[in-house]
All heavy atoms as atom14 arrays in JSON, in Angstrom:
{
  "sequence": "SDLKNAVHGSETFSAAERELKFMFPNSIIEPILQG",
  "atom14_mask": [
    [1, 1, 1, 1, 1, 1, 0, 0, 0, 0, 0, 0, 0, 0],
    [1, 1, 1, 1, 1, 1, 1, 1, 0, 0, 0, 0, 0, 0],
    [1, 1, 1, 1, 1, 1, 1, 1, 0, 0, 0, 0, 0, 0],
    [1, 1, 1, 1, 1, 1, 1, 1, 1, 0, 0, 0, 0, 0],
    [1, 1, 1, 1, 1, 1, 1, 1, 0, 0, 0, 0, 0, 0],
    [1, 1, 1, 1, 1, 0, 0, 0, 0, 0, 0, 0, 0, 0],
    [1, 1, 1, 1, 1, 1, 1, 0, 0, 0, 0, 0, 0, 0],
    [1, 1, 1, 1, 1, 1, 1, 1, 1, 1, 0, 0, 0, 0],
    [1, 1, 1, 1, 0, 0, 0, 0, 0, 0, 0, 0, 0, 0],
    [1, 1, 1, 1, 1, 1, 0, 0, 0, 0, 0, 0, 0, 0],
    [1, 1, 1, 1, 1, 1, 1, 1, 1, 0, 0, 0, 0, 0],
    [1, 1, 1, 1, 1, 1, 1, 0, 0, 0, 0, 0, 0, 0],
    [1, 1, 1, 1, 1, 1, 1, 1, 1, 1, 1, 0, 0, 0],
    [1, 1, 1, 1, 1, 1, 0, 0, 0, 0, 0, 0, 0, 0],
    [1, 1, 1, 1, 1, 0, 0, 0, 0, 0, 0, 0, 0, 0],
    [1, 1, 1, 1, 1, 0, 0, 0, 0, 0, 0, 0, 0, 0],
    [1, 1, 1, 1, 1, 1, 1, 1, 1, 0, 0, 0, 0, 0],
    [1, 1, 1, 1, 1, 1, 1, 1, 1, 1, 1, 0, 0, 0],
    [1, 1, 1, 1, 1, 1, 1, 1, 1, 0, 0, 0, 0, 0],
    [1, 1, 1, 1, 1, 1, 1, 1, 0, 0, 0, 0, 0, 0],
    [1, 1, 1, 1, 1, 1, 1, 1, 1, 0, 0, 0, 0, 0],
    [1, 1, 1, 1, 1, 1, 1, 1, 1, 1, 1, 0, 0, 0],
    [1, 1, 1, 1, 1, 1, 1, 1, 0, 0, 0, 0, 0, 0],
    [1, 1, 1, 1, 1, 1, 1, 1, 1, 1, 1, 0, 0, 0],
    [1, 1, 1, 1, 1, 1, 1, 0, 0, 0, 0, 0, 0, 0],
    [1, 1, 1, 1, 1, 1, 1, 1, 0, 0, 0, 0, 0, 0],
    [1, 1, 1, 1, 1, 1, 0, 0, 0, 0, 0, 0, 0, 0],
    [1, 1, 1, 1, 1, 1, 1, 1, 0, 0, 0, 0, 0, 0],
    [1, 1, 1, 1, 1, 1, 1, 1, 0, 0, 0, 0, 0, 0],
    [1, 1, 1, 1, 1, 1, 1, 1, 1, 0, 0, 0, 0, 0],
    [1, 1, 1, 1, 1, 1, 1, 0, 0, 0, 0, 0, 0, 0],
    [1, 1, 1, 1, 1, 1, 1, 1, 0, 0, 0, 0, 0, 0],
    [1, 1, 1, 1, 1, 1, 1, 1, 0, 0, 0, 0, 0, 0],
    [1, 1, 1, 1, 1, 1, 1, 1, 1, 0, 0, 0, 0, 0],
    [1, 1, 1, 1, 0, 0, 0, 0, 0, 0, 0, 0, 0, 0]
  ],
  "atom14_positions": [
    [[6.3, 21.04, 12.02], [6.3, 20.56, 13.4], [5.42, 19.32, 13.51], [4.91, 18.81, 12.5], [5.79, 21.65, 14.34], [4.42, 21.92, 14.11], [0.0, 0.0, 0.0], [0.0, 0.0, 0.0], [0.0, 0.0, 0.0], [0.0, 0.0, 0.0], [0.0, 0.0, 0.0], [0.0, 0.0, 0.0], [0.0, 0.0, 0.0], [0.0, 0.0, 0.0]],
    [[5.21, 18.87, 14.74], [4.32, 17.74, 14.97], [2.87, 18.13, 14.7], [2.08, 17.32, 14.2], [4.47, 17.24, 16.41], [3.76, 15.9, 16.64], [3.43, 15.23, 15.64], [3.54, 15.55, 17.8], [0.0, 0.0, 0.0], [0.0, 0.0, 0.0], [0.0, 0.0, 0.0], [0.0, 0.0, 0.0], [0.0, 0.0, 0.0], [0.0, 0.0, 0.0]],
    [[2.51, 19.37, 15.03], [1.15, 19.85, 14.81], [0.96, 20.31, 13.37], [0.03, 19.86, 12.68], [0.85, 21.01, 15.77], [-0.53, 21.66, 15.62], [-1.64, 20.66, 15.97], [-0.63, 22.9, 16.5], [0.0, 0.0, 0.0], [0.0, 0.0, 0.0], [0.0, 0.0, 0.0], [0.0, 0.0, 0.0], [0.0, 0.0, 0.0], [0.0, 0.0, 0.0]],
    [[1.83, 21.17, 12.9], [1.74, 21.7, 11.54], [2.57, 20.8, 10.61], [3.69, 21.14, 10.22], [2.22, 23.14, 11.5], [1.37, 24.07, 12.36], [1.86, 25.52, 12.29], [0.98, 26.42, 13.13], [1.42, 27.84, 13.07], [0.0, 0.0, 0.0], [0.0, 0.0, 0.0], [0.0, 0.0, 0.0], [0.0, 0.0, 0.0], [0.0, 0.0, 0.0]],
    [[1.96, 19.67, 10.28], [2.7, 18.64, 9.53], [2.13, 18.41, 8.13], [2.29, 17.34, 7.55], [2.77, 17.33, 10.31], [1.39, 16.76, 10.61], [0.36, 17.33, 10.24], [1.36, 15.61, 11.28], [0.0, 0.0, 0.0], [0.0, 0.0, 0.0], [0.0, 0.0, 0.0], [0.0, 0.0, 0.0], [0.0, 0.0, 0.0], [0.0, 0.0, 0.0]],
    [[1.44, 19.41, 7.59], [1.09, 19.5, 6.16], [-0.07, 18.63, 5.7], [-0.94, 19.1, 4.97], [2.32, 19.22, 5.27], [0.0, 0.0, 0.0], [0.0, 0.0, 0.0], [0.0, 0.0, 0.0], [0.0, 0.0, 0.0], [0.0, 0.0, 0.0], [0.0, 0.0, 0.0], [0.0, 0.0, 0.0], [0.0, 0.0, 0.0], [0.0, 0.0, 0.0]],
    [[-0.11, 17.36, 6.09], [-1.11, 16.45, 5.52], [-1.66, 15.49, 6.57], [-1.02, 15.23, 7.59], [-0.53, 15.64, 4.33], [-0.33, 16.52, 3.11], [0.78, 14.97, 4.74], [0.0, 0.0, 0.0], [0.0, 0.0, 0.0], [0.0, 0.0, 0.0], [0.0, 0.0, 0.0], [0.0, 0.0, 0.0], [0.0, 0.0, 0.0], [0.0, 0.0, 0.0]],
    [[-2.84, 15.0, 6.29], [-3.5, 13.99, 7.13], [-3.92, 12.83, 6.24], [-4.25, 13.01, 5.07], [-4.74, 14.58, 7.8], [-5.68, 13.55, 8.37], [-5.54, 13.02, 9.63], [-6.77, 12.93, 7.81], [-6.5, 12.13, 9.84], [-7.26, 12.06, 8.76], [0.0, 0.0, 0.0], [0.0, 0.0, 0.0], [0.0, 0.0, 0.0], [0.0, 0.0, 0.0]],
    [[-3.95, 11.62, 6.82], [-4.45, 10.46, 6.11], [-5.17, 9.52, 7.05], [-4.89, 9.48, 8.25], [0.0, 0.0, 0.0], [0.0, 0.0, 0.0], [0.0, 0.0, 0.0], [0.0, 0.0, 0.0], [0.0, 0.0, 0.0], [0.0, 0.0, 0.0], [0.0, 0.0, 0.0], [0.0, 0.0, 0.0], [0.0, 0.0, 0.0], [0.0, 0.0, 0.0]],
    [[-6.11, 8.77, 6.52], [-6.88, 7.81, 7.32], [-5.97, 6.7, 7.81], [-5.13, 6.19, 7.06], [-8.02, 7.23, 6.49], [-8.84, 8.25, 5.96], [0.0, 0.0, 0.0], [0.0, 0.0, 0.0], [0.0, 0.0, 0.0], [0.0, 0.0, 0.0], [0.0, 0.0, 0.0], [0.0, 0.0, 0.0], [0.0, 0.0, 0.0], [0.0, 0.0, 0.0]],
    [[-6.17, 6.29, 9.06], [-5.32, 5.27, 9.67], [-5.72, 3.86, 9.27], [-4.87, 2.99, 9.09], [-5.38, 5.38, 11.2], [-4.54, 6.5, 11.77], [-3.05, 6.24, 11.61], [-2.63, 5.07, 11.73], [-2.32, 7.21, 11.33], [0.0, 0.0, 0.0], [0.0, 0.0, 0.0], [0.0, 0.0, 0.0], [0.0, 0.0, 0.0], [0.0, 0.0, 0.0]],
    [[-7.03, 3.61, 9.14], [-7.54, 2.26, 8.88], [-8.65, 2.32, 7.84], [-9.12, 3.4, 7.46], [-8.1, 1.63, 10.16], [-9.22, 2.43, 10.61], [-7.04, 1.57, 11.26], [0.0, 0.0, 0.0], [0.0, 0.0, 0.0], [0.0, 0.0, 0.0], [0.0, 0.0, 0.0], [0.0, 0.0, 0.0], [0.0, 0.0, 0.0], [0.0, 0.0, 0.0]],
    [[-9.09, 1.14, 7.41], [-10.18, 1.07, 6.43], [-11.46, 1.68, 6.99], [-12.15, 2.44, 6.31], [-10.41, -0.38, 6.03], [-11.44, -0.56, 4.94], [-11.1, -0.36, 3.61], [-12.74, -0.9, 5.24], [-12.05, -0.5, 2.61], [-13.69, -1.05, 4.25], [-13.34, -0.85, 2.93], [0.0, 0.0, 0.0], [0.0, 0.0, 0.0], [0.0, 0.0, 0.0]],
    [[-11.79, 1.36, 8.25], [-13.01, 1.89, 8.85], [-12.9, 3.4, 9.05], [-13.88, 4.14, 8.88], [-13.3, 1.2, 10.18], [-12.23, 1.37, 11.09], [0.0, 0.0, 0.0], [0.0, 0.0, 0.0], [0.0, 0.0, 0.0], [0.0, 0.0, 0.0], [0.0, 0.0, 0.0], [0.0, 0.0, 0.0], [0.0, 0.0, 0.0], [0.0, 0.0, 0.0]],
    [[-11.7, 3.88, 9.42], [-11.5, 5.32, 9.55], [-11.66, 6.02, 8.21], [-12.22, 7.11, 8.12], [-10.12, 5.6, 10.14], [0.0, 0.0, 0.0], [0.0, 0.0, 0.0], [0.0, 0.0, 0.0], [0.0, 0.0, 0.0], [0.0, 0.0, 0.0], [0.0, 0.0, 0.0], [0.0, 0.0, 0.0], [0.0, 0.0, 0.0], [0.0, 0.0, 0.0]],
    [[-11.17, 5.38, 7.15], [-11.3, 5.97, 5.81], [-12.76, 6.11, 5.42], [-13.18, 7.14, 4.87], [-10.56, 5.11, 4.79], [0.0, 0.0, 0.0], [0.0, 0.0, 0.0], [0.0, 0.0, 0.0], [0.0, 0.0, 0.0], [0.0, 0.0, 0.0], [0.0, 0.0, 0.0], [0.0, 0.0, 0.0], [0.0, 0.0, 0.0], [0.0, 0.0, 0.0]],
    [[-13.57, 5.09, 5.71], [-15.0, 5.18, 5.39], [-15.65, 6.34, 6.13], [-16.4, 7.12, 5.54], [-15.69, 3.87, 5.77], [-15.4, 2.71, 4.83], [-16.29, 1.53, 5.13], [-16.44, 1.15, 6.31], [-16.86, 0.97, 4.17], [0.0, 0.0, 0.0], [0.0, 0.0, 0.0], [0.0, 0.0, 0.0], [0.0, 0.0, 0.0], [0.0, 0.0, 0.0]],
    [[-15.36, 6.45, 7.43], [-15.97, 7.52, 8.23], [-15.5, 8.89, 7.76], [-16.32, 9.82, 7.6], [-15.6, 7.33, 9.71], [-16.21, 8.38, 10.62], [-15.74, 8.23, 12.05], [-14.33, 8.53, 12.23], [-13.85, 9.77, 12.33], [-14.65, 10.82, 12.27], [-12.55, 9.96, 12.5], [0.0, 0.0, 0.0], [0.0, 0.0, 0.0], [0.0, 0.0, 0.0]],
    [[-14.21, 9.04, 7.52], [-13.67, 10.35, 7.16], [-14.09, 10.78, 5.75], [-14.33, 11.96, 5.5], [-12.15, 10.32, 7.28], [-11.68, 10.17, 8.72], [-10.18, 10.08, 8.88], [-9.47, 10.04, 7.84], [-9.71, 10.05, 10.03], [0.0, 0.0, 0.0], [0.0, 0.0, 0.0], [0.0, 0.0, 0.0], [0.0, 0.0, 0.0], [0.0, 0.0, 0.0]],
    [[-14.18, 9.82, 4.83], [-14.65, 10.16, 3.49], [-16.1, 10.63, 3.51], [-16.47, 11.6, 2.83], [-14.49, 8.96, 2.55], [-13.06, 8.65, 2.11], [-12.98, 7.28, 1.47], [-12.55, 9.72, 1.14], [0.0, 0.0, 0.0], [0.0, 0.0, 0.0], [0.0, 0.0, 0.0], [0.0, 0.0, 0.0], [0.0, 0.0, 0.0], [0.0, 0.0, 0.0]],
    [[-16.94, 9.96, 4.31], [-18.34, 10.38, 4.42], [-18.44, 11.74, 5.1], [-19.34, 12.52, 4.8], [-19.14, 9.34, 5.22], [-19.38, 8.04, 4.48], [-20.18, 8.23, 3.2], [-21.63, 8.59, 3.48], [-22.43, 8.7, 2.23], [0.0, 0.0, 0.0], [0.0, 0.0, 0.0], [0.0, 0.0, 0.0], [0.0, 0.0, 0.0], [0.0, 0.0, 0.0]],
    [[-17.52, 12.03, 6.01], [-17.52, 13.32, 6.69], [-17.21, 14.45, 5.71], [-17.89, 15.48, 5.7], [-16.48, 13.31, 7.82], [-16.51, 14.53, 8.7], [-17.19, 14.51, 9.91], [-15.84, 15.7, 8.34], [-17.22, 15.62, 10.73], [-15.87, 16.82, 9.14], [-16.57, 16.79, 10.35], [0.0, 0.0, 0.0], [0.0, 0.0, 0.0], [0.0, 0.0, 0.0]],
    [[-16.19, 14.25, 4.88], [-15.77, 15.3, 3.96], [-16.57, 15.33, 2.67], [-16.72, 16.37, 2.04], [-14.28, 15.12, 3.62], [-13.36, 15.38, 4.79], [-13.43, 17.12, 5.3], [-12.44, 17.04, 6.81], [0.0, 0.0, 0.0], [0.0, 0.0, 0.0], [0.0, 0.0, 0.0], [0.0, 0.0, 0.0], [0.0, 0.0, 0.0], [0.0, 0.0, 0.0]],
    [[-17.11, 14.17, 2.27], [-17.9, 14.09, 1.04], [-19.22, 13.39, 1.37], [-19.43, 12.22, 1.02], [-17.13, 13.32, -0.04], [-15.79, 13.9, -0.37], [-14.62, 13.37, 0.18], [-15.69, 15.0, -1.21], [-13.38, 13.91, -0.11], [-14.45, 15.56, -1.51], [-13.3, 15.02, -0.96], [0.0, 0.0, 0.0], [0.0, 0.0, 0.0], [0.0, 0.0, 0.0]],
    [[-20.13, 14.09, 2.07], [-21.35, 13.44, 2.59], [-22.27, 12.86, 1.53], [-23.05, 11.96, 1.82], [-22.04, 14.56, 3.38], [-21.44, 15.83, 2.86], [-20.05, 15.5, 2.46], [0.0, 0.0, 0.0], [0.0, 0.0, 0.0], [0.0, 0.0, 0.0], [0.0, 0.0, 0.0], [0.0, 0.0, 0.0], [0.0, 0.0, 0.0], [0.0, 0.0, 0.0]],
    [[-22.2, 13.35, 0.3], [-23.08, 12.85, -0.75], [-22.47, 11.71, -1.56], [-23.1, 11.21, -2.49], [-23.47, 13.99, -1.7], [-24.28, 15.06, -1.01], [-25.11, 14.76, -0.16], [-24.05, 16.32, -1.37], [0.0, 0.0, 0.0], [0.0, 0.0, 0.0], [0.0, 0.0, 0.0], [0.0, 0.0, 0.0], [0.0, 0.0, 0.0], [0.0, 0.0, 0.0]],
    [[-21.25, 11.32, -1.21], [-20.6, 10.25, -1.97], [-21.06, 8.89, -1.47], [-21.48, 8.74, -0.32], [-19.08, 10.36, -1.86], [-18.67, 10.17, -0.52], [0.0, 0.0, 0.0], [0.0, 0.0, 0.0], [0.0, 0.0, 0.0], [0.0, 0.0, 0.0], [0.0, 0.0, 0.0], [0.0, 0.0, 0.0], [0.0, 0.0, 0.0], [0.0, 0.0, 0.0]],
    [[-20.97, 7.9, -2.35], [-21.29, 6.52, -2.0], [-19.99, 5.77, -1.86], [-19.22, 5.64, -2.81], [-22.17, 5.86, -3.08], [-23.5, 6.62, -3.21], [-22.43, 4.4, -2.74], [-24.38, 6.13, -4.33], [0.0, 0.0, 0.0], [0.0, 0.0, 0.0], [0.0, 0.0, 0.0], [0.0, 0.0, 0.0], [0.0, 0.0, 0.0], [0.0, 0.0, 0.0]],
    [[-19.69, 5.31, -0.64], [-18.45, 4.59, -0.39], [-18.7, 3.11, -0.6], [-19.36, 2.45, 0.18], [-17.95, 4.84, 1.04], [-17.9, 6.34, 1.34], [-16.58, 4.21, 1.23], [-17.02, 7.13, 0.4], [0.0, 0.0, 0.0], [0.0, 0.0, 0.0], [0.0, 0.0, 0.0], [0.0, 0.0, 0.0], [0.0, 0.0, 0.0], [0.0, 0.0, 0.0]],
    [[-18.19, 2.6, -1.67], [-18.36, 1.17, -1.97], [-17.11, 0.69, -2.7], [-16.33, 1.49, -3.24], [-19.59, 0.95, -2.84], [-19.55, 1.7, -4.16], [-20.86, 1.57, -4.94], [-21.86, 1.14, -4.37], [-20.84, 1.9, -6.14], [0.0, 0.0, 0.0], [0.0, 0.0, 0.0], [0.0, 0.0, 0.0], [0.0, 0.0, 0.0], [0.0, 0.0, 0.0]],
    [[-16.86, -0.62, -2.72], [-15.66, -1.14, -3.37], [-15.64, -0.8, -4.85], [-16.67, -0.74, -5.51], [-15.76, -2.65, -3.14], [-16.68, -2.8, -1.99], [-17.65, -1.67, -2.07], [0.0, 0.0, 0.0], [0.0, 0.0, 0.0], [0.0, 0.0, 0.0], [0.0, 0.0, 0.0], [0.0, 0.0, 0.0], [0.0, 0.0, 0.0], [0.0, 0.0, 0.0]],
    [[-14.44, -0.56, -5.38], [-14.25, -0.36, -6.8], [-13.95, -1.71, -7.42], [-12.97, -2.36, -7.07], [-13.11, 0.63, -7.07], [-13.41, 1.99, -6.41], [-12.87, 0.8, -8.56], [-12.28, 2.98, -6.52], [0.0, 0.0, 0.0], [0.0, 0.0, 0.0], [0.0, 0.0, 0.0], [0.0, 0.0, 0.0], [0.0, 0.0, 0.0], [0.0, 0.0, 0.0]],
    [[-14.79, -2.15, -8.32], [-14.64, -3.48, -8.89], [-13.49, -3.54, -9.88], [-13.27, -2.62, -10.65], [-15.94, -3.89, -9.58], [-17.18, -3.97, -8.68], [-18.41, -4.27, -9.5], [-16.99, -5.02, -7.59], [0.0, 0.0, 0.0], [0.0, 0.0, 0.0], [0.0, 0.0, 0.0], [0.0, 0.0, 0.0], [0.0, 0.0, 0.0], [0.0, 0.0, 0.0]],
    [[-12.78, -4.66, -9.84], [-11.68, -4.89, -10.76], [-11.75, -6.33, -11.26], [-12.41, -7.18, -10.66], [-10.34, -4.66, -10.06], [-10.1, -3.23, -9.6], [-9.76, -2.31, -10.74], [-8.86, -2.6, -11.53], [-10.46, -1.21, -10.84], [0.0, 0.0, 0.0], [0.0, 0.0, 0.0], [0.0, 0.0, 0.0], [0.0, 0.0, 0.0], [0.0, 0.0, 0.0]],
    [[-11.04, -6.61, -12.35], [-10.89, -7.97, -12.83], [-12.22, -8.65, -13.15], [-13.11, -8.07, -13.77], [0.0, 0.0, 0.0], [0.0, 0.0, 0.0], [0.0, 0.0, 0.0], [0.0, 0.0, 0.0], [0.0, 0.0, 0.0], [0.0, 0.0, 0.0], [0.0, 0.0, 0.0], [0.0, 0.0, 0.0], [0.0, 0.0, 0.0], [0.0, 0.0, 0.0]]
  ]
}
């Protein structure tokens, strides 16, 4: 259904930062370096 829809995902970059810190409070959210 609309409510029971199996999965959730962050809408924006700022939302992802906030939600990751909420679920993983001891993690360090920083860019992953490439190249």
